[in-house]
């Protein structure tokens, strides 16, 4: 399996594992949305918490220029840790939600 295919598989499996975790509030669910042509992968949280509508992006990951960009991460533990544990090297992951000037001080790729 080539690197790009491997990254796609790891990202999808990681997000599907998060989507399978039930929320404490029964009316809220996490749904994956994968655009494999453009390499954009999302987890969308939606449902109802009493009278309040919940709809937002829990995680957004893209593959750009052969690197994995974590554009949004509202998971408790940090999705980049899961990607590394699944086999994507730290130097191939960019924390896109971090300010560009700060990225060089992380354990991940700057860009």
PDB file of N, CA and C in Angstrom:
ATOM      1  N   UNK A   1       0.851  -1.178   0.000  1.00  0.00           N
ATOM      2  CA  UNK A   1       0.000   0.000   0.000  1.00  0.00           C
ATOM      3  C   UNK A   1       0.897   1.242   0.000  1.00  0.00           C
ATOM      4  N   UNK A   2       0.605   2.194  -0.880  1.00  0.00           N
ATOM      5  CA  UNK A   2       1.434   3.394  -0.927  1.00  0.00           C
ATOM      6  C   UNK A   2       1.109   4.320   0.250  1.00  0.00           C
ATOM      7  N   UNK A   3       1.959   5.318   0.457  1.00  0.00           N
ATOM      8  CA  UNK A   3       1.843   6.209   1.613  1.00  0.00           C
ATOM      9  C   UNK A   3       0.517   6.955   1.634  1.00  0.00           C
ATOM     10  N   UNK A   4       0.114   7.520   0.511  1.00  0.00           N
ATOM     11  CA  UNK A   4      -1.126   8.284   0.458  1.00  0.00           C
ATOM     12  C   UNK A   4      -2.340   7.415   0.779  1.00  0.00           C
ATOM     13  N   UNK A   5      -2.382   6.231   0.224  1.00  0.00           N
ATOM     14  CA  UNK A   5      -3.478   5.299   0.513  1.00  0.00           C
ATOM     15  C   UNK A   5      -3.474   4.915   1.988  1.00  0.00           C
ATOM     16  N   UNK A   6      -2.291   4.702   2.528  1.00  0.00           N
ATOM     17  CA  UNK A   6      -2.160   4.368   3.948  1.00  0.00           C
ATOM     18  C   UNK A   6      -2.677   5.504   4.826  1.00  0.00           C
ATOM     19  N   UNK A   7      -2.299   6.749   4.509  1.00  0.00           N
ATOM     20  CA  UNK A   7      -2.769   7.900   5.273  1.00  0.00           C
ATOM     21  C   UNK A   7      -4.294   7.999   5.216  1.00  0.00           C
ATOM     22  N   UNK A   8      -4.857   7.820   4.050  1.00  0.00           N
ATOM     23  CA  UNK A   8      -6.315   7.896   3.900  1.00  0.00           C
ATOM     24  C   UNK A   8      -7.007   6.849   4.776  1.00  0.00           C
ATOM     25  N   UNK A   9      -6.487   5.651   4.740  1.00  0.00           N
ATOM     26  CA  UNK A   9      -7.073   4.559   5.527  1.00  0.00           C
ATOM     27  C   UNK A   9      -6.968   4.845   7.015  1.00  0.00           C
ATOM     28  N   UNK A  10      -5.820   5.306   7.458  1.00  0.00           N
ATOM     29  CA  UNK A  10      -5.624   5.611   8.880  1.00  0.00           C
ATOM     30  C   UNK A  10      -6.564   6.724   9.327  1.00  0.00           C
ATOM     31  N   UNK A  11      -6.659   7.780   8.543  1.00  0.00           N
ATOM     32  CA  UNK A  11      -7.534   8.903   8.893  1.00  0.00           C
ATOM     33  C   UNK A  11      -8.985   8.435   8.983  1.00  0.00           C
ATOM     34  N   UNK A  12      -9.443   7.713   7.984  1.00  0.00           N
ATOM     35  CA  UNK A  12     -10.828   7.250   7.982  1.00  0.00           C
ATOM     36  C   UNK A  12     -11.108   6.326   9.163  1.00  0.00           C
ATOM     37  N   UNK A  13     -10.222   5.387   9.421  1.00  0.00           N
ATOM     38  CA  UNK A  13     -10.432   4.458  10.537  1.00  0.00           C
ATOM     39  C   UNK A  13     -10.425   5.188  11.880  1.00  0.00           C
ATOM     40  N   UNK A  14      -9.551   6.167  12.010  1.00  0.00           N
ATOM     41  CA  UNK A  14      -9.482   6.941  13.251  1.00  0.00           C
ATOM     42  C   UNK A  14     -10.771   7.725  13.469  1.00  0.00           C
ATOM     43  N   UNK A  15     -11.256   8.391  12.431  1.00  0.00           N
ATOM     44  CA  UNK A  15     -12.480   9.167  12.566  1.00  0.00           C
ATOM     45  C   UNK A  15     -13.702   8.268  12.774  1.00  0.00           C
ATOM     46  N   UNK A  16     -13.725   7.120  12.127  1.00  0.00           N
ATOM     47  CA  UNK A  16     -14.836   6.181  12.342  1.00  0.00           C
ATOM     48  C   UNK A  16     -14.862   5.674  13.783  1.00  0.00           C
ATOM     49  N   UNK A  17     -13.692   5.482  14.374  1.00  0.00           N
ATOM     50  CA  UNK A  17     -13.633   5.052  15.776  1.00  0.00           C
ATOM     51  C   UNK A  17     -14.215   6.140  16.683  1.00  0.00           C
ATOM     52  N   UNK A  18     -13.901   7.389  16.416  1.00  0.00           N
ATOM     53  CA  UNK A  18     -14.490   8.484  17.190  1.00  0.00           C
ATOM     54  C   UNK A  18     -15.997   8.549  16.980  1.00  0.00           C
ATOM     55  N   UNK A  19     -16.447   8.354  15.760  1.00  0.00           N
ATOM     56  CA  UNK A  19     -17.884   8.425  15.465  1.00  0.00           C
ATOM     57  C   UNK A  19     -18.664   7.324  16.184  1.00  0.00           C
ATOM     58  N   UNK A  20     -18.008   6.235  16.516  1.00  0.00           N
ATOM     59  CA  UNK A  20     -18.673   5.119  17.185  1.00  0.00           C
ATOM     60  C   UNK A  20     -18.842   5.340  18.691  1.00  0.00           C
ATOM     61  N   UNK A  21     -18.192   6.357  19.234  1.00  0.00           N
ATOM     62  CA  UNK A  21     -18.303   6.630  20.667  1.00  0.00           C
ATOM     63  C   UNK A  21     -19.630   7.343  20.927  1.00  0.00           C
ATOM     64  N   UNK A  22     -20.490   6.753  21.757  1.00  0.00           N
ATOM     65  CA  UNK A  22     -21.788   7.385  22.008  1.00  0.00           C
ATOM     66  C   UNK A  22     -21.645   8.604  22.928  1.00  0.00           C
ATOM     67  N   UNK A  23     -22.483   9.592  22.706  1.00  0.00           N
ATOM     68  CA  UNK A  23     -22.525  10.767  23.565  1.00  0.00           C
ATOM     69  C   UNK A  23     -23.387  10.476  24.786  1.00  0.00           C
ATOM     70  N   UNK A  24     -23.097  11.155  25.875  1.00  0.00           N
ATOM     71  CA  UNK A  24     -23.896  10.983  27.090  1.00  0.00           C
ATOM     72  C   UNK A  24     -25.338  11.430  26.851  1.00  0.00           C
ATOM     73  N   UNK A  25     -25.496  12.499  26.059  1.00  0.00           N
ATOM     74  CA  UNK A  25     -26.839  12.945  25.693  1.00  0.00           C
ATOM     75  C   UNK A  25     -27.285  12.108  24.500  1.00  0.00           C
ATOM     76  N   UNK A  26     -28.374  11.400  24.663  1.00  0.00           N
ATOM     77  CA  UNK A  26     -28.831  10.478  23.635  1.00  0.00           C
ATOM     78  C   UNK A  26     -29.221  11.112  22.314  1.00  0.00           C
ATOM     79  N   UNK A  27     -29.519  12.389  22.310  1.00  0.00           N
ATOM     80  CA  UNK A  27     -29.960  13.027  21.080  1.00  0.00           C
ATOM     81  C   UNK A  27     -28.843  13.608  20.236  1.00  0.00           C
ATOM     82  N   UNK A  28     -27.601  13.372  20.619  1.00  0.00           N
ATOM     83  CA  UNK A  28     -26.458  13.918  19.879  1.00  0.00           C
ATOM     84  C   UNK A  28     -25.653  12.764  19.285  1.00  0.00           C
ATOM     85  N   UNK A  29     -25.244  12.921  18.037  1.00  0.00           N
ATOM     86  CA  UNK A  29     -24.447  11.895  17.360  1.00  0.00           C
ATOM     87  C   UNK A  29     -23.292  12.557  16.625  1.00  0.00           C
ATOM     88  N   UNK A  30     -22.293  11.779  16.379  1.00  0.00           N
ATOM     89  CA  UNK A  30     -21.133  12.233  15.622  1.00  0.00           C
ATOM     90  C   UNK A  30     -21.149  11.502  14.287  1.00  0.00           C
ATOM     91  N   UNK A  31     -21.093  12.264  13.204  1.00  0.00           N
ATOM     92  CA  UNK A  31     -21.202  11.670  11.873  1.00  0.00           C
ATOM     93  C   UNK A  31     -19.962  11.987  11.040  1.00  0.00           C
ATOM     94  N   UNK A  32     -19.389  10.968  10.413  1.00  0.00           N
ATOM     95  CA  UNK A  32     -18.238  11.214   9.537  1.00  0.00           C
ATOM     96  C   UNK A  32     -18.681  11.740   8.181  1.00  0.00           C
ATOM     97  N   UNK A  33     -17.861  12.584   7.595  1.00  0.00           N
ATOM     98  CA  UNK A  33     -18.083  13.084   6.233  1.00  0.00           C
ATOM     99  C   UNK A  33     -16.729  13.047   5.534  1.00  0.00           C
ATOM    100  N   UNK A  34     -16.607  12.156   4.558  1.00  0.00           N
ATOM    101  CA  UNK A  34     -15.333  11.953   3.871  1.00  0.00           C
ATOM    102  C   UNK A  34     -15.433  12.379   2.411  1.00  0.00           C
ATOM    103  N   UNK A  35     -14.548  13.253   1.978  1.00  0.00           N
ATOM    104  CA  UNK A  35     -14.418  13.623   0.577  1.00  0.00           C
ATOM    105  C   UNK A  35     -13.080  13.060   0.109  1.00  0.00           C
ATOM    106  N   UNK A  36     -13.108  11.855  -0.431  1.00  0.00           N
ATOM    107  CA  UNK A  36     -11.868  11.172  -0.798  1.00  0.00           C
ATOM    108  C   UNK A  36     -11.242  11.720  -2.070  1.00  0.00           C
ATOM    109  N   UNK A  37     -12.011  12.422  -2.891  1.00  0.00           N
ATOM    110  CA  UNK A  37     -11.434  13.047  -4.093  1.00  0.00           C
ATOM    111  C   UNK A  37     -10.555  14.230  -3.732  1.00  0.00           C
ATOM    112  N   UNK A  38     -10.971  14.977  -2.721  1.00  0.00           N
ATOM    113  CA  UNK A  38     -10.237  16.177  -2.312  1.00  0.00           C
ATOM    114  C   UNK A  38      -9.469  15.962  -1.021  1.00  0.00           C
ATOM    115  N   UNK A  39      -9.491  14.750  -0.484  1.00  0.00           N
ATOM    116  CA  UNK A  39      -8.797  14.384   0.748  1.00  0.00           C
ATOM    117  C   UNK A  39      -9.145  15.299   1.914  1.00  0.00           C
ATOM    118  N   UNK A  40     -10.435  15.450   2.146  1.00  0.00           N
ATOM    119  CA  UNK A  40     -10.927  16.233   3.272  1.00  0.00           C
ATOM    120  C   UNK A  40     -11.851  15.336   4.096  1.00  0.00           C
ATOM    121  N   UNK A  41     -11.568  15.258   5.394  1.00  0.00           N
ATOM    122  CA  UNK A  41     -12.261  14.310   6.264  1.00  0.00           C
ATOM    123  C   UNK A  41     -12.751  15.046   7.511  1.00  0.00           C
ATOM    124  N   UNK A  42     -14.043  14.900   7.818  1.00  0.00           N
ATOM    125  CA  UNK A  42     -14.643  15.621   8.938  1.00  0.00           C
ATOM    126  C   UNK A  42     -15.418  14.697   9.855  1.00  0.00           C
ATOM    127  N   UNK A  43     -15.542  15.152  11.092  1.00  0.00           N
ATOM    128  CA  UNK A  43     -16.498  14.575  12.034  1.00  0.00           C
ATOM    129  C   UNK A  43     -17.437  15.696  12.424  1.00  0.00           C
ATOM    130  N   UNK A  44     -18.709  15.503  12.166  1.00  0.00           N
ATOM    131  CA  UNK A  44     -19.709  16.519  12.453  1.00  0.00           C
ATOM    132  C   UNK A  44     -20.561  16.045  13.624  1.00  0.00           C
ATOM    133  N   UNK A  45     -20.696  16.902  14.617  1.00  0.00           N
ATOM    134  CA  UNK A  45     -21.546  16.623  15.769  1.00  0.00           C
ATOM    135  C   UNK A  45     -22.887  17.293  15.533  1.00  0.00           C
ATOM    136  N   UNK A  46     -23.965  16.500  15.664  1.00  0.00           N
ATOM    137  CA  UNK A  46     -25.284  17.078  15.441  1.00  0.00           C
ATOM    138  C   UNK A  46     -26.327  16.388  16.297  1.00  0.00           C
ATOM    139  N   UNK A  47     -27.383  17.127  16.556  1.00  0.00           N
ATOM    140  CA  UNK A  47     -28.494  16.595  17.330  1.00  0.00           C
ATOM    141  C   UNK A  47     -29.107  17.667  18.200  1.00  0.00           C
ATOM    142  N   UNK A  48     -29.775  17.221  19.255  1.00  0.00           N
ATOM    143  CA  UNK A  48     -30.467  18.144  20.156  1.00  0.00           C
ATOM    144  C   UNK A  48     -30.047  17.866  21.586  1.00  0.00           C
ATOM    145  N   UNK A  49     -29.784  18.943  22.316  1.00  0.00           N
ATOM    146  CA  UNK A  49     -29.527  18.880  23.746  1.00  0.00           C
ATOM    147  C   UNK A  49     -30.648  19.681  24.397  1.00  0.00           C
ATOM    148  N   UNK A  50     -31.737  18.977  24.707  1.00  0.00           N
ATOM    149  CA  UNK A  50     -32.935  19.663  25.163  1.00  0.00           C
ATOM    150  C   UNK A  50     -33.474  20.518  24.024  1.00  0.00           C
ATOM    151  N   UNK A  51     -33.738  21.803  24.279  1.00  0.00           N
ATOM    152  CA  UNK A  51     -34.255  22.673  23.215  1.00  0.00           C
ATOM    153  C   UNK A  51     -33.148  23.270  22.334  1.00  0.00           C
ATOM    154  N   UNK A  52     -31.914  22.954  22.641  1.00  0.00           N
ATOM    155  CA  UNK A  52     -30.776  23.565  21.928  1.00  0.00           C
ATOM    156  C   UNK A  52     -30.268  22.659  20.814  1.00  0.00           C
ATOM    157  N   UNK A  53     -30.179  23.203  19.617  1.00  0.00           N
ATOM    158  CA  UNK A  53     -29.659  22.475  18.458  1.00  0.00           C
ATOM    159  C   UNK A  53     -28.135  22.458  18.526  1.00  0.00           C
ATOM    160  N   UNK A  54     -27.565  21.294  18.331  1.00  0.00           N
ATOM    161  CA  UNK A  54     -26.117  21.112  18.310  1.00  0.00           C
ATOM    162  C   UNK A  54     -25.723  20.768  16.878  1.00  0.00           C
ATOM    163  N   UNK A  55     -24.800  21.514  16.324  1.00  0.00           N
ATOM    164  CA  UNK A  55     -24.279  21.221  14.991  1.00  0.00           C
ATOM    165  C   UNK A  55     -22.931  21.893  14.860  1.00  0.00           C
ATOM    166  N   UNK A  56     -21.897  21.086  14.697  1.00  0.00           N
ATOM    167  CA  UNK A  56     -20.567  21.666  14.578  1.00  0.00           C
ATOM    168  C   UNK A  56     -19.548  20.648  14.104  1.00  0.00           C
ATOM    169  N   UNK A  57     -18.368  21.121  13.886  1.00  0.00           N
ATOM    170  CA  UNK A  57     -17.268  20.292  13.415  1.00  0.00           C
ATOM    171  C   UNK A  57     -16.401  19.897  14.603  1.00  0.00           C
ATOM    172  N   UNK A  58     -16.325  18.614  14.878  1.00  0.00           N
ATOM    173  CA  UNK A  58     -15.492  18.110  15.961  1.00  0.00           C
ATOM    174  C   UNK A  58     -14.041  17.967  15.502  1.00  0.00           C
ATOM    175  N   UNK A  59     -13.855  17.481  14.289  1.00  0.00           N
ATOM    176  CA  UNK A  59     -12.502  17.301  13.756  1.00  0.00           C
ATOM    177  C   UNK A  59     -12.524  17.476  12.245  1.00  0.00           C
ATOM    178  N   UNK A  60     -11.452  18.071  11.728  1.00  0.00           N
ATOM    179  CA  UNK A  60     -11.299  18.253  10.288  1.00  0.00           C
ATOM    180  C   UNK A  60      -9.846  17.970   9.943  1.00  0.00           C
ATOM    181  N   UNK A  61      -9.645  17.004   9.062  1.00  0.00           N
ATOM    182  CA  UNK A  61      -8.311  16.593   8.642  1.00  0.00           C
ATOM    183  C   UNK A  61      -8.265  16.616   7.126  1.00  0.00           C
ATOM    184  N   UNK A  62      -7.172  17.133   6.583  1.00  0.00           N
ATOM    185  CA  UNK A  62      -6.967  17.149   5.136  1.00  0.00           C
ATOM    186  C   UNK A  62      -5.590  16.589   4.816  1.00  0.00           C
ATOM    187  N   UNK A  63      -5.470  16.054   3.623  1.00  0.00           N
ATOM    188  CA  UNK A  63      -4.153  15.691   3.103  1.00  0.00           C
ATOM    189  C   UNK A  63      -3.827  16.710   2.022  1.00  0.00           C
ATOM    190  N   UNK A  64      -2.751  17.468   2.261  1.00  0.00           N
ATOM    191  CA  UNK A  64      -2.313  18.483   1.304  1.00  0.00           C
ATOM    192  C   UNK A  64      -0.809  18.370   1.132  1.00  0.00           C
ATOM    193  N   UNK A  65      -0.362  18.332  -0.116  1.00  0.00           N
ATOM    194  CA  UNK A  65       1.068  18.218  -0.420  1.00  0.00           C
ATOM    195  C   UNK A  65       1.710  17.046   0.317  1.00  0.00           C
ATOM    196  N   UNK A  66       0.987  15.918   0.350  1.00  0.00           N
ATOM    197  CA  UNK A  66       1.442  14.669   0.957  1.00  0.00           C
ATOM    198  C   UNK A  66       1.662  14.746   2.462  1.00  0.00           C
ATOM    199  N   UNK A  67       1.101  15.757   3.112  1.00  0.00           N
ATOM    200  CA  UNK A  67       1.149  15.845   4.570  1.00  0.00           C
ATOM    201  C   UNK A  67      -0.271  15.847   5.102  1.00  0.00           C
ATOM    202  N   UNK A  68      -0.421  15.382   6.319  1.00  0.00           N
ATOM    203  CA  UNK A  68      -1.717  15.321   6.981  1.00  0.00           C
ATOM    204  C   UNK A  68      -1.880  16.586   7.805  1.00  0.00           C
ATOM    205  N   UNK A  69      -2.883  17.381   7.460  1.00  0.00           N
ATOM    206  CA  UNK A  69      -3.146  18.641   8.146  1.00  0.00           C
ATOM    207  C   UNK A  69      -4.343  18.469   9.072  1.00  0.00           C
ATOM    208  N   UNK A  70      -4.131  18.638  10.359  1.00  0.00           N
ATOM    209  CA  UNK A  70      -5.227  18.631  11.323  1.00  0.00           C
ATOM    210  C   UNK A  70      -5.697  20.080  11.425  1.00  0.00           C
ATOM    211  N   UNK A  71      -6.814  20.376  10.761  1.00  0.00           N
ATOM    212  CA  UNK A  71      -7.312  21.750  10.681  1.00  0.00           C
ATOM    213  C   UNK A  71      -8.153  22.134  11.896  1.00  0.00           C
ATOM    214  N   UNK A  72      -8.824  21.153  12.463  1.00  0.00           N
ATOM    215  CA  UNK A  72      -9.626  21.388  13.668  1.00  0.00           C
ATOM    216  C   UNK A  72      -9.580  20.119  14.499  1.00  0.00           C
ATOM    217  N   UNK A  73      -9.464  20.305  15.813  1.00  0.00           N
ATOM    218  CA  UNK A  73      -9.444  19.165  16.718  1.00  0.00           C
ATOM    219  C   UNK A  73     -10.077  19.558  18.043  1.00  0.00           C
ATOM    220  N   UNK A  74     -11.319  19.184  18.213  1.00  0.00           N
ATOM    221  CA  UNK A  74     -12.015  19.423  19.474  1.00  0.00           C
ATOM    222  C   UNK A  74     -12.212  18.116  20.246  1.00  0.00           C
ATOM    223  N   UNK A  75     -11.368  17.130  19.977  1.00  0.00           N
ATOM    224  CA  UNK A  75     -11.430  15.883  20.737  1.00  0.00           C
ATOM    225  C   UNK A  75     -10.755  16.109  22.091  1.00  0.00           C
ATOM    226  N   UNK A  76     -11.067  15.250  23.037  1.00  0.00           N
ATOM    227  CA  UNK A  76     -10.508  15.413  24.380  1.00  0.00           C
ATOM    228  C   UNK A  76      -9.004  15.170  24.424  1.00  0.00           C
ATOM    229  N   UNK A  77      -8.542  14.125  23.757  1.00  0.00           N
ATOM    230  CA  UNK A  77      -7.141  13.738  23.890  1.00  0.00           C
ATOM    231  C   UNK A  77      -6.239  14.269  22.780  1.00  0.00           C
ATOM    232  N   UNK A  78      -6.791  14.714  21.701  1.00  0.00           N
ATOM    233  CA  UNK A  78      -5.976  15.183  20.580  1.00  0.00           C
ATOM    234  C   UNK A  78      -5.854  14.107  19.521  1.00  0.00           C
ATOM    235  N   UNK A  79      -6.439  14.361  18.381  1.00  0.00           N
ATOM    236  CA  UNK A  79      -6.503  13.356  17.327  1.00  0.00           C
ATOM    237  C   UNK A  79      -5.135  13.069  16.701  1.00  0.00           C
ATOM    238  N   UNK A  80      -4.218  14.019  16.764  1.00  0.00           N
ATOM    239  CA  UNK A  80      -2.881  13.803  16.205  1.00  0.00           C
ATOM    240  C   UNK A  80      -2.179  12.639  16.916  1.00  0.00           C
ATOM    241  N   UNK A  81      -2.415  12.495  18.213  1.00  0.00           N
ATOM    242  CA  UNK A  81      -1.822  11.360  18.946  1.00  0.00           C
ATOM    243  C   UNK A  81      -2.310  10.038  18.376  1.00  0.00           C
ATOM    244  N   UNK A  82      -3.591   9.983  18.040  1.00  0.00           N
ATOM    245  CA  UNK A  82      -4.165   8.756  17.476  1.00  0.00           C
ATOM    246  C   UNK A  82      -3.590   8.468  16.089  1.00  0.00           C
ATOM    247  N   UNK A  83      -3.380   9.515  15.303  1.00  0.00           N
ATOM    248  CA  UNK A  83      -2.808   9.337  13.960  1.00  0.00           C
ATOM    249  C   UNK A  83      -1.388   8.802  14.050  1.00  0.00           C
ATOM    250  N   UNK A  84      -0.612   9.320  15.004  1.00  0.00           N
ATOM    251  CA  UNK A  84       0.761   8.839  15.196  1.00  0.00           C
ATOM    252  C   UNK A  84       0.738   7.379  15.661  1.00  0.00           C
ATOM    253  N   UNK A  85      -0.127   7.076  16.622  1.00  0.00           N
ATOM    254  CA  UNK A  85      -0.219   5.700  17.131  1.00  0.00           C
ATOM    255  C   UNK A  85      -0.612   4.722  16.030  1.00  0.00           C
ATOM    256  N   UNK A  86      -1.363   5.207  15.038  1.00  0.00           N
ATOM    257  CA  UNK A  86      -1.809   4.351  13.932  1.00  0.00           C
ATOM    258  C   UNK A  86      -0.773   4.248  12.812  1.00  0.00           C
ATOM    259  N   UNK A  87       0.309   5.033  12.892  1.00  0.00           N
ATOM    260  CA  UNK A  87       1.378   4.850  11.915  1.00  0.00           C
ATOM    261  C   UNK A  87       1.780   6.051  11.081  1.00  0.00           C
ATOM    262  N   UNK A  88       1.155   7.208  11.268  1.00  0.00           N
ATOM    263  CA  UNK A  88       1.567   8.388  10.510  1.00  0.00           C
ATOM    264  C   UNK A  88       2.675   9.083  11.297  1.00  0.00           C
ATOM    265  N   UNK A  89       3.845   9.273  10.700  1.00  0.00           N
ATOM    266  CA  UNK A  89       4.952   9.914  11.421  1.00  0.00           C
ATOM    267  C   UNK A  89       4.625  11.360  11.806  1.00  0.00           C
ATOM    268  N   UNK A  90       5.116  11.784  12.970  1.00  0.00           N
ATOM    269  CA  UNK A  90       4.880  13.147  13.445  1.00  0.00           C
ATOM    270  C   UNK A  90       5.323  14.197  12.427  1.00  0.00           C
ATOM    271  N   UNK A  91       6.419  13.920  11.734  1.00  0.00           N
ATOM    272  CA  UNK A  91       6.937  14.920  10.794  1.00  0.00           C
ATOM    273  C   UNK A  91       6.116  14.996   9.506  1.00  0.00           C
ATOM    274  N   UNK A  92       5.038  14.212   9.431  1.00  0.00           N
ATOM    275  CA  UNK A  92       4.115  14.269   8.299  1.00  0.00           C
ATOM    276  C   UNK A  92       2.755  14.838   8.699  1.00  0.00           C
ATOM    277  N   UNK A  93       2.654  15.288   9.953  1.00  0.00           N
ATOM    278  CA  UNK A  93       1.403  15.851  10.463  1.00  0.00           C
ATOM    279  C   UNK A  93       1.632  17.325  10.779  1.00  0.00           C
ATOM    280  N   UNK A  94       0.766  18.172  10.244  1.00  0.00           N
ATOM    281  CA  UNK A  94       0.801  19.608  10.514  1.00  0.00           C
ATOM    282  C   UNK A  94      -0.417  19.959  11.354  1.00  0.00           C
ATOM    283  N   UNK A  95      -0.182  20.661  12.458  1.00  0.00           N
ATOM    284  CA  UNK A  95      -1.287  21.128  13.281  1.00  0.00           C
ATOM    285  C   UNK A  95      -1.758  22.457  12.715  1.00  0.00           C
ATOM    286  N   UNK A  96      -2.630  22.376  11.723  1.00  0.00           N
ATOM    287  CA  UNK A  96      -3.083  23.551  10.991  1.00  0.00           C
ATOM    288  C   UNK A  96      -3.833  24.552  11.844  1.00  0.00           C
ATOM    289  N   UNK A  97      -4.370  24.116  12.982  1.00  0.00           N
ATOM    290  CA  UNK A  97      -5.094  25.023  13.869  1.00  0.00           C
ATOM    291  C   UNK A  97      -4.137  25.866  14.712  1.00  0.00           C
ATOM    292  N   UNK A  98      -2.853  25.507  14.694  1.00  0.00           N
ATOM    293  CA  UNK A  98      -1.842  26.296  15.398  1.00  0.00           C
ATOM    294  C   UNK A  98      -1.378  27.445  14.521  1.00  0.00           C
ATOM    295  N   UNK A  99      -1.097  28.566  15.122  1.00  0.00           N
ATOM    296  CA  UNK A  99      -0.553  29.707  14.392  1.00  0.00           C
ATOM    297  C   UNK A  99       0.755  29.294  13.716  1.00  0.00           C
ATOM    298  N   UNK A 100       0.972  29.681  12.456  1.00  0.00           N
ATOM    299  CA  UNK A 100       2.169  29.239  11.728  1.00  0.00           C
ATOM    300  C   UNK A 100       3.484  29.487  12.477  1.00  0.00           C
ATOM    301  N   UNK A 101       3.607  30.590  13.173  1.00  0.00           N
ATOM    302  CA  UNK A 101       4.841  30.884  13.900  1.00  0.00           C
ATOM    303  C   UNK A 101       5.076  29.998  15.104  1.00  0.00           C
ATOM    304  N   UNK A 102       4.038  29.323  15.565  1.00  0.00           N
ATOM    305  CA  UNK A 102       4.137  28.456  16.739  1.00  0.00           C
ATOM    306  C   UNK A 102       4.452  27.013  16.342  1.00  0.00           C
ATOM    307  N   UNK A 103       4.094  26.652  15.140  1.00  0.00           N
ATOM    308  CA  UNK A 103       4.215  25.243  14.712  1.00  0.00           C
ATOM    309  C   UNK A 103       5.625  24.690  14.840  1.00  0.00           C
ATOM    310  N   UNK A 104       6.630  25.523  14.647  1.00  0.00           N
ATOM    311  CA  UNK A 104       8.008  25.043  14.714  1.00  0.00           C
ATOM    312  C   UNK A 104       8.380  24.543  16.123  1.00  0.00           C
ATOM    313  N   UNK A 105       7.622  24.943  17.120  1.00  0.00           N
ATOM    314  CA  UNK A 105       7.918  24.541  18.504  1.00  0.00           C
ATOM    315  C   UNK A 105       7.141  23.313  18.937  1.00  0.00           C
ATOM    316  N   UNK A 106       6.332  22.762  18.046  1.00  0.00           N
ATOM    317  CA  UNK A 106       5.597  21.532  18.364  1.00  0.00           C
ATOM    318  C   UNK A 106       6.442  20.344  17.938  1.00  0.00           C
ATOM    319  N   UNK A 107       5.989  19.157  18.285  1.00  0.00           N
ATOM    320  CA  UNK A 107       6.671  17.933  17.862  1.00  0.00           C
ATOM    321  C   UNK A 107       6.236  17.471  16.484  1.00  0.00           C
ATOM    322  N   UNK A 108       5.499  18.339  15.793  1.00  0.00           N
ATOM    323  CA  UNK A 108       4.948  17.983  14.483  1.00  0.00           C
ATOM    324  C   UNK A 108       5.562  18.852  13.392  1.00  0.00           C
ATOM    325  N   UNK A 109       5.176  18.602  12.151  1.00  0.00           N
ATOM    326  CA  UNK A 109       5.701  19.363  11.026  1.00  0.00           C
ATOM    327  C   UNK A 109       5.240  20.817  11.113  1.00  0.00           C
ATOM    328  N   UNK A 110       6.087  21.727  10.611  1.00  0.00           N
ATOM    329  CA  UNK A 110       5.737  23.150  10.613  1.00  0.00           C
ATOM    330  C   UNK A 110       4.818  23.479   9.450  1.00  0.00           C
ATOM    331  N   UNK A 111       4.960  22.767   8.344  1.00  0.00           N
ATOM    332  CA  UNK A 111       4.098  22.936   7.166  1.00  0.00           C
ATOM    333  C   UNK A 111       4.477  21.919   6.106  1.00  0.00           C
TER     334      UNK A 111
END
